[in-house]
Structure formats: structure tokens, C-alpha cells
Amino acid sequence: IDLASLDANRYVASAMVNAFIAMIAAPLFVAYCRHKPSPRWRR
């Protein structure tokens, strides 16, 4: 798409940095999505 008229390598490098951060955050996302609250905390 070339939104900012940058070199293609900069887009891919930025995306890979974000993917690396997403790899680190993946276990936290899974823990958040699969968490079942205990019955005493439910309304």
C-alpha cells in the first residue's frame, strides 16, 4: 500500500518488531482469554 512512502524494508522491520512483542505478549493474551473467574467473584 505504501502509506508513508518509506522503503519496503522499514515496513517489514517495523512489523517484525511488533510481531516479536506479540510473541512475548501471547502467553498473557492466552491467560486473559482463558481465565474463568471463581464463583465467589461473580455477580
Full PDB file with SEQRES, HELIX, SHEET, SSBOND, CRYST1, ORIGX, SCALE, CONECT and MASTER records, all heavy atoms in Angstrom:
SEQRES   1 A   43  ILE ASP LEU ALA SER LEU ASP ALA ASN ARG TYR VAL ALA          
SEQRES   2 A   43  SER ALA MET VAL ASN ALA PHE ILE ALA MET ILE ALA ALA          
SEQRES   3 A   43  PRO LEU PHE VAL ALA TYR CYS ARG HIS LYS PRO SER PRO          
SEQRES   4 A   43  ARG TRP ARG ARG                                              
HELIX    1 AA1 ALA A    8  ARG A   34  1                                  27    
HELIX    2 AA2 PRO A   39  TRP A   41  5                                   3    
CRYST1    1.000    1.000    1.000  90.00  90.00  90.00 P 1           1          
ORIGX1      1.000000  0.000000  0.000000        0.00000                         
ORIGX2      0.000000  1.000000  0.000000        0.00000                         
ORIGX3      0.000000  0.000000  1.000000        0.00000                         
SCALE1      1.000000  0.000000  0.000000        0.00000                         
SCALE2      0.000000  1.000000  0.000000        0.00000                         
SCALE3      0.000000  0.000000  1.000000        0.00000                         
ATOM      1  N   ILE A   1       0.829  -1.207   0.000  1.00  0.00           N  
ATOM      2  CA  ILE A   1       0.000   0.000   0.000  1.00  0.00           C  
ATOM      3  C   ILE A   1       0.858   1.251   0.000  1.00  0.00           C  
ATOM      4  O   ILE A   1       0.520   2.246  -0.645  1.00  0.00           O  
ATOM      5  CB  ILE A   1      -0.952  -0.010   1.215  1.00  0.00           C  
ATOM      6  CG1 ILE A   1      -1.954  -1.149   1.081  1.00  0.00           C  
ATOM      7  CG2 ILE A   1      -1.689   1.306   1.338  1.00  0.00           C  
ATOM      8  CD1 ILE A   1      -2.808  -1.349   2.304  1.00  0.00           C  
ATOM      9  N   ASP A   2       1.993   1.218   0.714  1.00  0.00           N  
ATOM     10  CA  ASP A   2       2.962   2.320   0.783  1.00  0.00           C  
ATOM     11  C   ASP A   2       2.303   3.603   1.290  1.00  0.00           C  
ATOM     12  O   ASP A   2       2.224   4.617   0.589  1.00  0.00           O  
ATOM     13  CB  ASP A   2       3.630   2.531  -0.567  1.00  0.00           C  
ATOM     14  CG  ASP A   2       4.898   3.337  -0.458  1.00  0.00           C  
ATOM     15  OD1 ASP A   2       5.476   3.372   0.642  1.00  0.00           O  
ATOM     16  OD2 ASP A   2       5.313   3.928  -1.464  1.00  0.00           O  
ATOM     17  N   LEU A   3       1.838   3.577   2.527  1.00  0.00           N  
ATOM     18  CA  LEU A   3       1.134   4.715   3.115  1.00  0.00           C  
ATOM     19  C   LEU A   3       2.037   5.925   3.335  1.00  0.00           C  
ATOM     20  O   LEU A   3       1.642   7.054   3.077  1.00  0.00           O  
ATOM     21  CB  LEU A   3       0.509   4.319   4.452  1.00  0.00           C  
ATOM     22  CG  LEU A   3      -0.655   3.341   4.381  1.00  0.00           C  
ATOM     23  CD1 LEU A   3      -1.077   2.946   5.781  1.00  0.00           C  
ATOM     24  CD2 LEU A   3      -1.807   3.953   3.632  1.00  0.00           C  
ATOM     25  N   ALA A   4       3.256   5.703   3.814  1.00  0.00           N  
ATOM     26  CA  ALA A   4       4.118   6.817   4.201  1.00  0.00           C  
ATOM     27  C   ALA A   4       5.300   7.020   3.258  1.00  0.00           C  
ATOM     28  O   ALA A   4       6.229   7.741   3.587  1.00  0.00           O  
ATOM     29  CB  ALA A   4       4.634   6.601   5.616  1.00  0.00           C  
ATOM     30  N   SER A   5       5.273   6.387   2.110  1.00  0.00           N  
ATOM     31  CA  SER A   5       6.346   6.494   1.113  1.00  0.00           C  
ATOM     32  C   SER A   5       7.708   6.141   1.709  1.00  0.00           C  
ATOM     33  O   SER A   5       8.692   6.841   1.498  1.00  0.00           O  
ATOM     34  CB  SER A   5       6.380   7.884   0.497  1.00  0.00           C  
ATOM     35  OG  SER A   5       5.164   8.154  -0.143  1.00  0.00           O  
ATOM     36  N   LEU A   6       7.747   5.067   2.460  1.00  0.00           N  
ATOM     37  CA  LEU A   6       9.001   4.592   3.044  1.00  0.00           C  
ATOM     38  C   LEU A   6       9.530   3.419   2.238  1.00  0.00           C  
ATOM     39  O   LEU A   6       8.858   2.880   1.361  1.00  0.00           O  
ATOM     40  CB  LEU A   6       8.779   4.150   4.495  1.00  0.00           C  
ATOM     41  CG  LEU A   6       8.402   5.228   5.502  1.00  0.00           C  
ATOM     42  CD1 LEU A   6       8.128   4.590   6.841  1.00  0.00           C  
ATOM     43  CD2 LEU A   6       9.486   6.260   5.620  1.00  0.00           C  
ATOM     44  N   ASP A   7      10.746   3.027   2.554  1.00  0.00           N  
ATOM     45  CA  ASP A   7      11.334   1.850   1.957  1.00  0.00           C  
ATOM     46  C   ASP A   7      10.567   0.613   2.434  1.00  0.00           C  
ATOM     47  O   ASP A   7      10.082   0.566   3.569  1.00  0.00           O  
ATOM     48  CB  ASP A   7      12.799   1.773   2.395  1.00  0.00           C  
ATOM     49  CG  ASP A   7      13.623   0.882   1.520  1.00  0.00           C  
ATOM     50  OD1 ASP A   7      13.191   0.616   0.392  1.00  0.00           O  
ATOM     51  OD2 ASP A   7      14.704   0.477   1.967  1.00  0.00           O  
ATOM     52  N   ALA A   8      10.440  -0.391   1.581  1.00  0.00           N  
ATOM     53  CA  ALA A   8       9.696  -1.602   1.951  1.00  0.00           C  
ATOM     54  C   ALA A   8      10.339  -2.317   3.132  1.00  0.00           C  
ATOM     55  O   ALA A   8       9.647  -2.927   3.952  1.00  0.00           O  
ATOM     56  CB  ALA A   8       9.603  -2.532   0.755  1.00  0.00           C  
ATOM     57  N   ASN A   9      11.670  -2.229   3.251  1.00  0.00           N  
ATOM     58  CA  ASN A   9      12.355  -2.881   4.369  1.00  0.00           C  
ATOM     59  C   ASN A   9      11.963  -2.278   5.706  1.00  0.00           C  
ATOM     60  O   ASN A   9      11.921  -2.976   6.719  1.00  0.00           O  
ATOM     61  CB  ASN A   9      13.872  -2.775   4.187  1.00  0.00           C  
ATOM     62  CG  ASN A   9      14.353  -3.571   3.004  1.00  0.00           C  
ATOM     63  OD1 ASN A   9      13.729  -4.552   2.629  1.00  0.00           O  
ATOM     64  ND2 ASN A   9      15.447  -3.139   2.410  1.00  0.00           N  
ATOM     65  N   ARG A  10      11.671  -1.001   5.734  1.00  0.00           N  
ATOM     66  CA  ARG A  10      11.262  -0.372   7.002  1.00  0.00           C  
ATOM     67  C   ARG A  10       9.902  -0.875   7.460  1.00  0.00           C  
ATOM     68  O   ARG A  10       9.669  -1.054   8.657  1.00  0.00           O  
ATOM     69  CB  ARG A  10      11.231   1.141   6.854  1.00  0.00           C  
ATOM     70  CG  ARG A  10      12.607   1.734   6.718  1.00  0.00           C  
ATOM     71  CD  ARG A  10      12.521   3.231   6.652  1.00  0.00           C  
ATOM     72  NE  ARG A  10      13.842   3.790   6.406  1.00  0.00           N  
ATOM     73  CZ  ARG A  10      14.342   4.776   7.094  1.00  0.00           C  
ATOM     74  NH1 ARG A  10      13.639   5.329   8.058  1.00  0.00           N  
ATOM     75  NH2 ARG A  10      15.539   5.224   6.807  1.00  0.00           N  
ATOM     76  N   TYR A  11       8.997  -1.075   6.511  1.00  0.00           N  
ATOM     77  CA  TYR A  11       7.686  -1.629   6.874  1.00  0.00           C  
ATOM     78  C   TYR A  11       7.828  -3.033   7.451  1.00  0.00           C  
ATOM     79  O   TYR A  11       7.235  -3.354   8.482  1.00  0.00           O  
ATOM     80  CB  TYR A  11       6.763  -1.677   5.653  1.00  0.00           C  
ATOM     81  CG  TYR A  11       6.262  -0.344   5.190  1.00  0.00           C  
ATOM     82  CD1 TYR A  11       6.541   0.111   3.918  1.00  0.00           C  
ATOM     83  CD2 TYR A  11       5.476   0.444   6.020  1.00  0.00           C  
ATOM     84  CE1 TYR A  11       6.066   1.329   3.482  1.00  0.00           C  
ATOM     85  CE2 TYR A  11       5.003   1.665   5.596  1.00  0.00           C  
ATOM     86  CZ  TYR A  11       5.297   2.106   4.330  1.00  0.00           C  
ATOM     87  OH  TYR A  11       4.830   3.304   3.902  1.00  0.00           O  
ATOM     88  N   VAL A  12       8.610  -3.860   6.788  1.00  0.00           N  
ATOM     89  CA  VAL A  12       8.780  -5.241   7.246  1.00  0.00           C  
ATOM     90  C   VAL A  12       9.512  -5.276   8.586  1.00  0.00           C  
ATOM     91  O   VAL A  12       9.152  -6.045   9.479  1.00  0.00           O  
ATOM     92  CB  VAL A  12       9.513  -6.076   6.172  1.00  0.00           C  
ATOM     93  CG1 VAL A  12       9.813  -7.471   6.682  1.00  0.00           C  
ATOM     94  CG2 VAL A  12       8.680  -6.145   4.903  1.00  0.00           C  
ATOM     95  N   ALA A  13      10.520  -4.431   8.757  1.00  0.00           N  
ATOM     96  CA  ALA A  13      11.248  -4.390  10.034  1.00  0.00           C  
ATOM     97  C   ALA A  13      10.335  -3.941  11.172  1.00  0.00           C  
ATOM     98  O   ALA A  13      10.372  -4.507  12.271  1.00  0.00           O  
ATOM     99  CB  ALA A  13      12.448  -3.457   9.919  1.00  0.00           C  
ATOM    100  N   SER A  14       9.512  -2.948  10.911  1.00  0.00           N  
ATOM    101  CA  SER A  14       8.571  -2.492  11.939  1.00  0.00           C  
ATOM    102  C   SER A  14       7.556  -3.577  12.276  1.00  0.00           C  
ATOM    103  O   SER A  14       7.211  -3.781  13.443  1.00  0.00           O  
ATOM    104  CB  SER A  14       7.861  -1.228  11.465  1.00  0.00           C  
ATOM    105  OG  SER A  14       6.880  -0.843  12.388  1.00  0.00           O  
ATOM    106  N   ALA A  15       7.102  -4.278  11.260  1.00  0.00           N  
ATOM    107  CA  ALA A  15       6.140  -5.352  11.503  1.00  0.00           C  
ATOM    108  C   ALA A  15       6.771  -6.489  12.295  1.00  0.00           C  
ATOM    109  O   ALA A  15       6.124  -7.084  13.153  1.00  0.00           O  
ATOM    110  CB  ALA A  15       5.596  -5.870  10.180  1.00  0.00           C  
ATOM    111  N   MET A  16       8.034  -6.786  12.030  1.00  0.00           N  
ATOM    112  CA  MET A  16       8.685  -7.862  12.762  1.00  0.00           C  
ATOM    113  C   MET A  16       8.962  -7.475  14.212  1.00  0.00           C  
ATOM    114  O   MET A  16       8.918  -8.332  15.097  1.00  0.00           O  
ATOM    115  CB  MET A  16       9.974  -8.289  12.060  1.00  0.00           C  
ATOM    116  CG  MET A  16       9.728  -8.982  10.726  1.00  0.00           C  
ATOM    117  SD  MET A  16       8.471 -10.275  10.775  1.00  0.00           S  
ATOM    118  CE  MET A  16       9.256 -11.482  11.796  1.00  0.00           C  
ATOM    119  N   VAL A  17       9.224  -6.208  14.467  1.00  0.00           N  
ATOM    120  CA  VAL A  17       9.366  -5.750  15.854  1.00  0.00           C  
ATOM    121  C   VAL A  17       8.038  -5.919  16.586  1.00  0.00           C  
ATOM    122  O   VAL A  17       7.991  -6.417  17.721  1.00  0.00           O  
ATOM    123  CB  VAL A  17       9.845  -4.285  15.895  1.00  0.00           C  
ATOM    124  CG1 VAL A  17       9.689  -3.705  17.283  1.00  0.00           C  
ATOM    125  CG2 VAL A  17      11.283  -4.194  15.444  1.00  0.00           C  
ATOM    126  N   ASN A  18       6.945  -5.532  15.940  1.00  0.00           N  
ATOM    127  CA  ASN A  18       5.631  -5.710  16.553  1.00  0.00           C  
ATOM    128  C   ASN A  18       5.290  -7.188  16.725  1.00  0.00           C  
ATOM    129  O   ASN A  18       4.664  -7.577  17.713  1.00  0.00           O  
ATOM    130  CB  ASN A  18       4.559  -5.023  15.713  1.00  0.00           C  
ATOM    131  CG  ASN A  18       4.650  -3.529  15.804  1.00  0.00           C  
ATOM    132  OD1 ASN A  18       4.987  -2.980  16.839  1.00  0.00           O  
ATOM    133  ND2 ASN A  18       4.360  -2.850  14.713  1.00  0.00           N  
ATOM    134  N   ALA A  19       5.704  -8.030  15.786  1.00  0.00           N  
ATOM    135  CA  ALA A  19       5.461  -9.472  15.909  1.00  0.00           C  
ATOM    136  C   ALA A  19       6.254 -10.060  17.062  1.00  0.00           C  
ATOM    137  O   ALA A  19       5.761 -10.935  17.777  1.00  0.00           O  
ATOM    138  CB  ALA A  19       5.810 -10.174  14.602  1.00  0.00           C  
ATOM    139  N   PHE A  20       7.485  -9.589  17.255  1.00  0.00           N  
ATOM    140  CA  PHE A  20       8.286 -10.070  18.387  1.00  0.00           C  
ATOM    141  C   PHE A  20       7.635  -9.689  19.714  1.00  0.00           C  
ATOM    142  O   PHE A  20       7.574 -10.503  20.646  1.00  0.00           O  
ATOM    143  CB  PHE A  20       9.705  -9.509  18.299  1.00  0.00           C  
ATOM    144  CG  PHE A  20      10.592  -9.960  19.412  1.00  0.00           C  
ATOM    145  CD1 PHE A  20      11.049 -11.261  19.455  1.00  0.00           C  
ATOM    146  CD2 PHE A  20      10.958  -9.092  20.430  1.00  0.00           C  
ATOM    147  CE1 PHE A  20      11.868 -11.693  20.492  1.00  0.00           C  
ATOM    148  CE2 PHE A  20      11.770  -9.511  21.459  1.00  0.00           C  
ATOM    149  CZ  PHE A  20      12.232 -10.816  21.489  1.00  0.00           C  
ATOM    150  N   ILE A  21       7.131  -8.477  19.813  1.00  0.00           N  
ATOM    151  CA  ILE A  21       6.430  -8.061  21.027  1.00  0.00           C  
ATOM    152  C   ILE A  21       5.156  -8.879  21.213  1.00  0.00           C  
ATOM    153  O   ILE A  21       4.797  -9.256  22.335  1.00  0.00           O  
ATOM    154  CB  ILE A  21       6.148  -6.548  20.988  1.00  0.00           C  
ATOM    155  CG1 ILE A  21       7.457  -5.768  20.993  1.00  0.00           C  
ATOM    156  CG2 ILE A  21       5.279  -6.125  22.168  1.00  0.00           C  
ATOM    157  CD1 ILE A  21       7.294  -4.291  20.712  1.00  0.00           C  
ATOM    158  N   ALA A  22       4.468  -9.191  20.108  1.00  0.00           N  
ATOM    159  CA  ALA A  22       3.265 -10.022  20.191  1.00  0.00           C  
ATOM    160  C   ALA A  22       3.609 -11.438  20.637  1.00  0.00           C  
ATOM    161  O   ALA A  22       2.816 -12.079  21.342  1.00  0.00           O  
ATOM    162  CB  ALA A  22       2.549 -10.042  18.851  1.00  0.00           C  
ATOM    163  N   MET A  23       4.779 -11.936  20.233  1.00  0.00           N  
ATOM    164  CA  MET A  23       5.211 -13.262  20.694  1.00  0.00           C  
ATOM    165  C   MET A  23       5.432 -13.267  22.207  1.00  0.00           C  
ATOM    166  O   MET A  23       5.113 -14.241  22.887  1.00  0.00           O  
ATOM    167  CB  MET A  23       6.500 -13.675  19.987  1.00  0.00           C  
ATOM    168  CG  MET A  23       6.325 -14.072  18.548  1.00  0.00           C  
ATOM    169  SD  MET A  23       7.883 -14.312  17.689  1.00  0.00           S  
ATOM    170  CE  MET A  23       8.589 -15.668  18.576  1.00  0.00           C  
ATOM    171  N   ILE A  24       5.981 -12.186  22.719  1.00  0.00           N  
ATOM    172  CA  ILE A  24       6.197 -12.087  24.166  1.00  0.00           C  
ATOM    173  C   ILE A  24       4.863 -11.945  24.905  1.00  0.00           C  
ATOM    174  O   ILE A  24       4.667 -12.507  25.979  1.00  0.00           O  
ATOM    175  CB  ILE A  24       7.138 -10.909  24.476  1.00  0.00           C  
ATOM    176  CG1 ILE A  24       8.526 -11.196  23.918  1.00  0.00           C  
ATOM    177  CG2 ILE A  24       7.209 -10.632  25.967  1.00  0.00           C  
ATOM    178  CD1 ILE A  24       9.473 -10.035  23.982  1.00  0.00           C  
ATOM    179  N   ALA A  25       3.933 -11.209  24.316  1.00  0.00           N  
ATOM    180  CA  ALA A  25       2.648 -10.963  24.965  1.00  0.00           C  
ATOM    181  C   ALA A  25       1.637 -12.095  24.759  1.00  0.00           C  
ATOM    182  O   ALA A  25       0.593 -12.096  25.408  1.00  0.00           O  
ATOM    183  CB  ALA A  25       2.049  -9.657  24.453  1.00  0.00           C  
ATOM    184  N   ALA A  26       1.931 -13.057  23.896  1.00  0.00           N  
ATOM    185  CA  ALA A  26       0.975 -14.135  23.598  1.00  0.00           C  
ATOM    186  C   ALA A  26       0.552 -14.928  24.835  1.00  0.00           C  
ATOM    187  O   ALA A  26      -0.647 -15.188  25.008  1.00  0.00           O  
ATOM    188  CB  ALA A  26       1.544 -15.053  22.519  1.00  0.00           C  
ATOM    189  N   PRO A  27       1.473 -15.335  25.722  1.00  0.00           N  
ATOM    190  CA  PRO A  27       1.001 -16.053  26.916  1.00  0.00           C  
ATOM    191  C   PRO A  27       0.083 -15.213  27.804  1.00  0.00           C  
ATOM    192  O   PRO A  27      -0.850 -15.739  28.408  1.00  0.00           O  
ATOM    193  CB  PRO A  27       2.295 -16.404  27.658  1.00  0.00           C  
ATOM    194  CG  PRO A  27       3.360 -16.368  26.637  1.00  0.00           C  
ATOM    195  CD  PRO A  27       2.940 -15.336  25.648  1.00  0.00           C  
ATOM    196  N   LEU A  28       0.327 -13.914  27.851  1.00  0.00           N  
ATOM    197  CA  LEU A  28      -0.556 -13.050  28.642  1.00  0.00           C  
ATOM    198  C   LEU A  28      -1.937 -12.938  28.001  1.00  0.00           C  
ATOM    199  O   LEU A  28      -2.950 -12.935  28.697  1.00  0.00           O  
ATOM    200  CB  LEU A  28       0.076 -11.666  28.794  1.00  0.00           C  
ATOM    201  CG  LEU A  28       1.437 -11.640  29.489  1.00  0.00           C  
ATOM    202  CD1 LEU A  28       2.028 -10.246  29.443  1.00  0.00           C  
ATOM    203  CD2 LEU A  28       1.310 -12.125  30.908  1.00  0.00           C  
ATOM    204  N   PHE A  29      -1.970 -12.844  26.672  1.00  0.00           N  
ATOM    205  CA  PHE A  29      -3.256 -12.824  25.967  1.00  0.00           C  
ATOM    206  C   PHE A  29      -4.023 -14.119  26.200  1.00  0.00           C  
ATOM    207  O   PHE A  29      -5.238 -14.096  26.431  1.00  0.00           O  
ATOM    208  CB  PHE A  29      -3.059 -12.617  24.470  1.00  0.00           C  
ATOM    209  CG  PHE A  29      -2.697 -11.222  24.054  1.00  0.00           C  
ATOM    210  CD1 PHE A  29      -2.109 -10.999  22.823  1.00  0.00           C  
ATOM    211  CD2 PHE A  29      -2.938 -10.143  24.865  1.00  0.00           C  
ATOM    212  CE1 PHE A  29      -1.774  -9.724  22.414  1.00  0.00           C  
ATOM    213  CE2 PHE A  29      -2.605  -8.867  24.484  1.00  0.00           C  
ATOM    214  CZ  PHE A  29      -2.023  -8.661  23.253  1.00  0.00           C  
ATOM    215  N   VAL A  30      -3.329 -15.253  26.138  1.00  0.00           N  
ATOM    216  CA  VAL A  30      -3.987 -16.544  26.355  1.00  0.00           C  
ATOM    217  C   VAL A  30      -4.505 -16.648  27.786  1.00  0.00           C  
ATOM    218  O   VAL A  30      -5.627 -17.092  28.016  1.00  0.00           O  
ATOM    219  CB  VAL A  30      -3.024 -17.712  26.025  1.00  0.00           C  
ATOM    220  CG1 VAL A  30      -3.593 -19.045  26.464  1.00  0.00           C  
ATOM    221  CG2 VAL A  30      -2.717 -17.730  24.537  1.00  0.00           C  
ATOM    222  N   ALA A  31      -3.702 -16.224  28.739  1.00  0.00           N  
ATOM    223  CA  ALA A  31      -4.143 -16.271  30.137  1.00  0.00           C  
ATOM    224  C   ALA A  31      -5.358 -15.377  30.352  1.00  0.00           C  
ATOM    225  O   ALA A  31      -6.277 -15.731  31.097  1.00  0.00           O  
ATOM    226  CB  ALA A  31      -3.004 -15.853  31.064  1.00  0.00           C  
ATOM    227  N   TYR A  32      -5.379 -14.229  29.694  1.00  0.00           N  
ATOM    228  CA  TYR A  32      -6.518 -13.322  29.831  1.00  0.00           C  
ATOM    229  C   TYR A  32      -7.775 -13.913  29.196  1.00  0.00           C  
ATOM    230  O   TYR A  32      -8.860 -13.837  29.769  1.00  0.00           O  
ATOM    231  CB  TYR A  32      -6.193 -11.973  29.188  1.00  0.00           C  
ATOM    232  CG  TYR A  32      -7.352 -11.020  29.168  1.00  0.00           C  
ATOM    233  CD1 TYR A  32      -7.773 -10.382  30.320  1.00  0.00           C  
ATOM    234  CD2 TYR A  32      -8.042 -10.769  27.990  1.00  0.00           C  
ATOM    235  CE1 TYR A  32      -8.843  -9.516  30.306  1.00  0.00           C  
ATOM    236  CE2 TYR A  32      -9.115  -9.904  27.969  1.00  0.00           C  
ATOM    237  CZ  TYR A  32      -9.517  -9.281  29.122  1.00  0.00           C  
ATOM    238  OH  TYR A  32     -10.581  -8.440  29.097  1.00  0.00           O  
ATOM    239  N   CYS A  33      -7.638 -14.504  28.025  1.00  0.00           N  
ATOM    240  CA  CYS A  33      -8.814 -15.010  27.309  1.00  0.00           C  
ATOM    241  C   CYS A  33      -9.339 -16.313  27.888  1.00  0.00           C  
ATOM    242  O   CYS A  33     -10.525 -16.600  27.791  1.00  0.00           O  
ATOM    243  CB  CYS A  33      -8.478 -15.212  25.836  1.00  0.00           C  
ATOM    244  SG  CYS A  33      -8.215 -13.679  24.955  1.00  0.00           S  
ATOM    245  N   ARG A  34      -8.490 -17.122  28.484  1.00  0.00           N  
ATOM    246  CA  ARG A  34      -8.923 -18.415  29.001  1.00  0.00           C  
ATOM    247  C   ARG A  34      -9.221 -18.392  30.497  1.00  0.00           C  
ATOM    248  O   ARG A  34      -9.589 -19.410  31.073  1.00  0.00           O  
ATOM    249  CB  ARG A  34      -7.878 -19.478  28.694  1.00  0.00           C  
ATOM    250  CG  ARG A  34      -7.767 -19.715  27.194  1.00  0.00           C  
ATOM    251  CD  ARG A  34      -6.861 -20.833  26.856  1.00  0.00           C  
ATOM    252  NE  ARG A  34      -7.258 -22.132  27.348  1.00  0.00           N  
ATOM    253  CZ  ARG A  34      -8.046 -22.980  26.697  1.00  0.00           C  
ATOM    254  NH1 ARG A  34      -8.534 -22.652  25.533  1.00  0.00           N  
ATOM    255  NH2 ARG A  34      -8.334 -24.150  27.214  1.00  0.00           N  
ATOM    256  N   HIS A  35      -9.081 -17.235  31.133  1.00  0.00           N  
ATOM    257  CA  HIS A  35      -9.322 -17.126  32.568  1.00  0.00           C  
ATOM    258  C   HIS A  35     -10.815 -17.246  32.858  1.00  0.00           C  
ATOM    259  O   HIS A  35     -11.640 -16.581  32.245  1.00  0.00           O  
ATOM    260  CB  HIS A  35      -8.807 -15.791  33.091  1.00  0.00           C  
ATOM    261  CG  HIS A  35      -9.147 -15.539  34.525  1.00  0.00           C  
ATOM    262  ND1 HIS A  35      -8.575 -16.251  35.550  1.00  0.00           N  
ATOM    263  CD2 HIS A  35     -10.005 -14.667  35.092  1.00  0.00           C  
ATOM    264  CE1 HIS A  35      -9.079 -15.826  36.688  1.00  0.00           C  
ATOM    265  NE2 HIS A  35      -9.940 -14.861  36.442  1.00  0.00           N  
ATOM    266  N   LYS A  36     -11.138 -18.095  33.790  1.00  0.00           N  
ATOM    267  CA  LYS A  36     -12.519 -18.247  34.256  1.00  0.00           C  
ATOM    268  C   LYS A  36     -12.575 -17.735  35.688  1.00  0.00           C  
ATOM    269  O   LYS A  36     -11.927 -18.284  36.577  1.00  0.00           O  
ATOM    270  CB  LYS A  36     -12.953 -19.706  34.218  1.00  0.00           C  
ATOM    271  CG  LYS A  36     -12.793 -20.367  32.872  1.00  0.00           C  
ATOM    272  CD  LYS A  36     -13.798 -19.842  31.893  1.00  0.00           C  
ATOM    273  CE  LYS A  36     -13.707 -20.620  30.608  1.00  0.00           C  
ATOM    274  NZ  LYS A  36     -13.457 -19.831  29.452  1.00  0.00           N  
ATOM    275  N   PRO A  37     -13.333 -16.673  35.952  1.00  0.00           N  
ATOM    276  CA  PRO A  37     -13.370 -16.135  37.321  1.00  0.00           C  
ATOM    277  C   PRO A  37     -14.011 -17.130  38.288  1.00  0.00           C  
ATOM    278  O   PRO A  37     -14.884 -17.909  37.911  1.00  0.00           O  
ATOM    279  CB  PRO A  37     -14.215 -14.876  37.200  1.00  0.00           C  
ATOM    280  CG  PRO A  37     -14.919 -14.978  35.907  1.00  0.00           C  
ATOM    281  CD  PRO A  37     -14.144 -15.913  35.035  1.00  0.00           C  
ATOM    282  N   SER A  38     -13.562 -17.104  39.526  1.00  0.00           N  
ATOM    283  CA  SER A  38     -14.113 -18.008  40.529  1.00  0.00           C  
ATOM    284  C   SER A  38     -15.549 -17.603  40.849  1.00  0.00           C  
ATOM    285  O   SER A  38     -15.935 -16.455  40.712  1.00  0.00           O  
ATOM    286  CB  SER A  38     -13.249 -17.987  41.780  1.00  0.00           C  
ATOM    287  OG  SER A  38     -13.290 -16.721  42.378  1.00  0.00           O  
ATOM    288  N   PRO A  39     -16.361 -18.564  41.325  1.00  0.00           N  
ATOM    289  CA  PRO A  39     -17.781 -18.256  41.587  1.00  0.00           C  
ATOM    290  C   PRO A  39     -18.003 -17.178  42.643  1.00  0.00           C  
ATOM    291  O   PRO A  39     -18.991 -16.467  42.596  1.00  0.00           O  
ATOM    292  CB  PRO A  39     -18.347 -19.593  42.068  1.00  0.00           C  
ATOM    293  CG  PRO A  39     -17.400 -20.623  41.616  1.00  0.00           C  
ATOM    294  CD  PRO A  39     -16.062 -19.974  41.501  1.00  0.00           C  
ATOM    295  N   ARG A  40     -17.079 -17.029  43.588  1.00  0.00           N  
ATOM    296  CA  ARG A  40     -17.328 -16.045  44.645  1.00  0.00           C  
ATOM    297  C   ARG A  40     -17.144 -14.618  44.128  1.00  0.00           C  
ATOM    298  O   ARG A  40     -17.574 -13.670  44.768  1.00  0.00           O  
ATOM    299  CB  ARG A  40     -16.417 -16.296  45.831  1.00  0.00           C  
ATOM    300  CG  ARG A  40     -14.968 -16.134  45.537  1.00  0.00           C  
ATOM    301  CD  ARG A  40     -14.159 -16.407  46.748  1.00  0.00           C  
ATOM    302  NE  ARG A  40     -12.764 -16.383  46.372  1.00  0.00           N  
ATOM    303  CZ  ARG A  40     -11.795 -16.242  47.199  1.00  0.00           C  
ATOM    304  NH1 ARG A  40     -12.050 -16.131  48.474  1.00  0.00           N  
ATOM    305  NH2 ARG A  40     -10.556 -16.233  46.798  1.00  0.00           N  
ATOM    306  N   TRP A  41     -16.480 -14.428  42.985  1.00  0.00           N  
ATOM    307  CA  TRP A  41     -16.285 -13.095  42.433  1.00  0.00           C  
ATOM    308  C   TRP A  41     -17.312 -12.734  41.365  1.00  0.00           C  
ATOM    309  O   TRP A  41     -17.308 -11.634  40.851  1.00  0.00           O  
ATOM    310  CB  TRP A  41     -14.882 -12.965  41.840  1.00  0.00           C  
ATOM    311  CG  TRP A  41     -13.827 -13.048  42.882  1.00  0.00           C  
ATOM    312  CD1 TRP A  41     -13.000 -14.088  43.123  1.00  0.00           C  
ATOM    313  CD2 TRP A  41     -13.511 -12.068  43.874  1.00  0.00           C  
ATOM    314  NE1 TRP A  41     -12.178 -13.829  44.178  1.00  0.00           N  
ATOM    315  CE2 TRP A  41     -12.458 -12.581  44.654  1.00  0.00           C  
ATOM    316  CE3 TRP A  41     -14.007 -10.795  44.158  1.00  0.00           C  
ATOM    317  CZ2 TRP A  41     -11.915 -11.874  45.712  1.00  0.00           C  
ATOM    318  CZ3 TRP A  41     -13.434 -10.088  45.205  1.00  0.00           C  
ATOM    319  CH2 TRP A  41     -12.412 -10.631  45.974  1.00  0.00           C  
ATOM    320  N   ARG A  42     -18.171 -13.656  41.025  1.00  0.00           N  
ATOM    321  CA  ARG A  42     -19.193 -13.371  40.025  1.00  0.00           C  
ATOM    322  C   ARG A  42     -20.345 -12.609  40.645  1.00  0.00           C  
ATOM    323  O   ARG A  42     -20.718 -12.810  41.791  1.00  0.00           O  
ATOM    324  CB  ARG A  42     -19.729 -14.668  39.422  1.00  0.00           C  
ATOM    325  CG  ARG A  42     -18.737 -15.342  38.565  1.00  0.00           C  
ATOM    326  CD  ARG A  42     -19.374 -16.532  37.867  1.00  0.00           C  
ATOM    327  NE  ARG A  42     -18.346 -17.291  37.182  1.00  0.00           N  
ATOM    328  CZ  ARG A  42     -18.429 -18.558  36.917  1.00  0.00           C  
ATOM    329  NH1 ARG A  42     -19.491 -19.241  37.255  1.00  0.00           N  
ATOM    330  NH2 ARG A  42     -17.455 -19.164  36.290  1.00  0.00           N  
ATOM    331  N   ARG A  43     -20.910 -11.735  39.855  1.00  0.00           N  
ATOM    332  CA  ARG A  43     -22.098 -11.005  40.319  1.00  0.00           C  
ATOM    333  C   ARG A  43     -23.313 -11.891  40.173  1.00  0.00           C  
ATOM    334  O   ARG A  43     -23.457 -12.646  39.232  1.00  0.00           O  
ATOM    335  CB  ARG A  43     -22.299  -9.734  39.512  1.00  0.00           C  
ATOM    336  CG  ARG A  43     -21.219  -8.729  39.734  1.00  0.00           C  
ATOM    337  CD  ARG A  43     -21.512  -7.497  38.961  1.00  0.00           C  
ATOM    338  NE  ARG A  43     -20.417  -6.554  39.146  1.00  0.00           N  
ATOM    339  CZ  ARG A  43     -20.374  -5.379  38.586  1.00  0.00           C  
ATOM    340  NH1 ARG A  43     -21.341  -4.975  37.809  1.00  0.00           N  
ATOM    341  NH2 ARG A  43     -19.360  -4.589  38.799  1.00  0.00           N  
TER     342      ARG A  43                                                      
MASTER        0    0    0    2    0    0    0    6  341    1    0    4          
END                                                                             
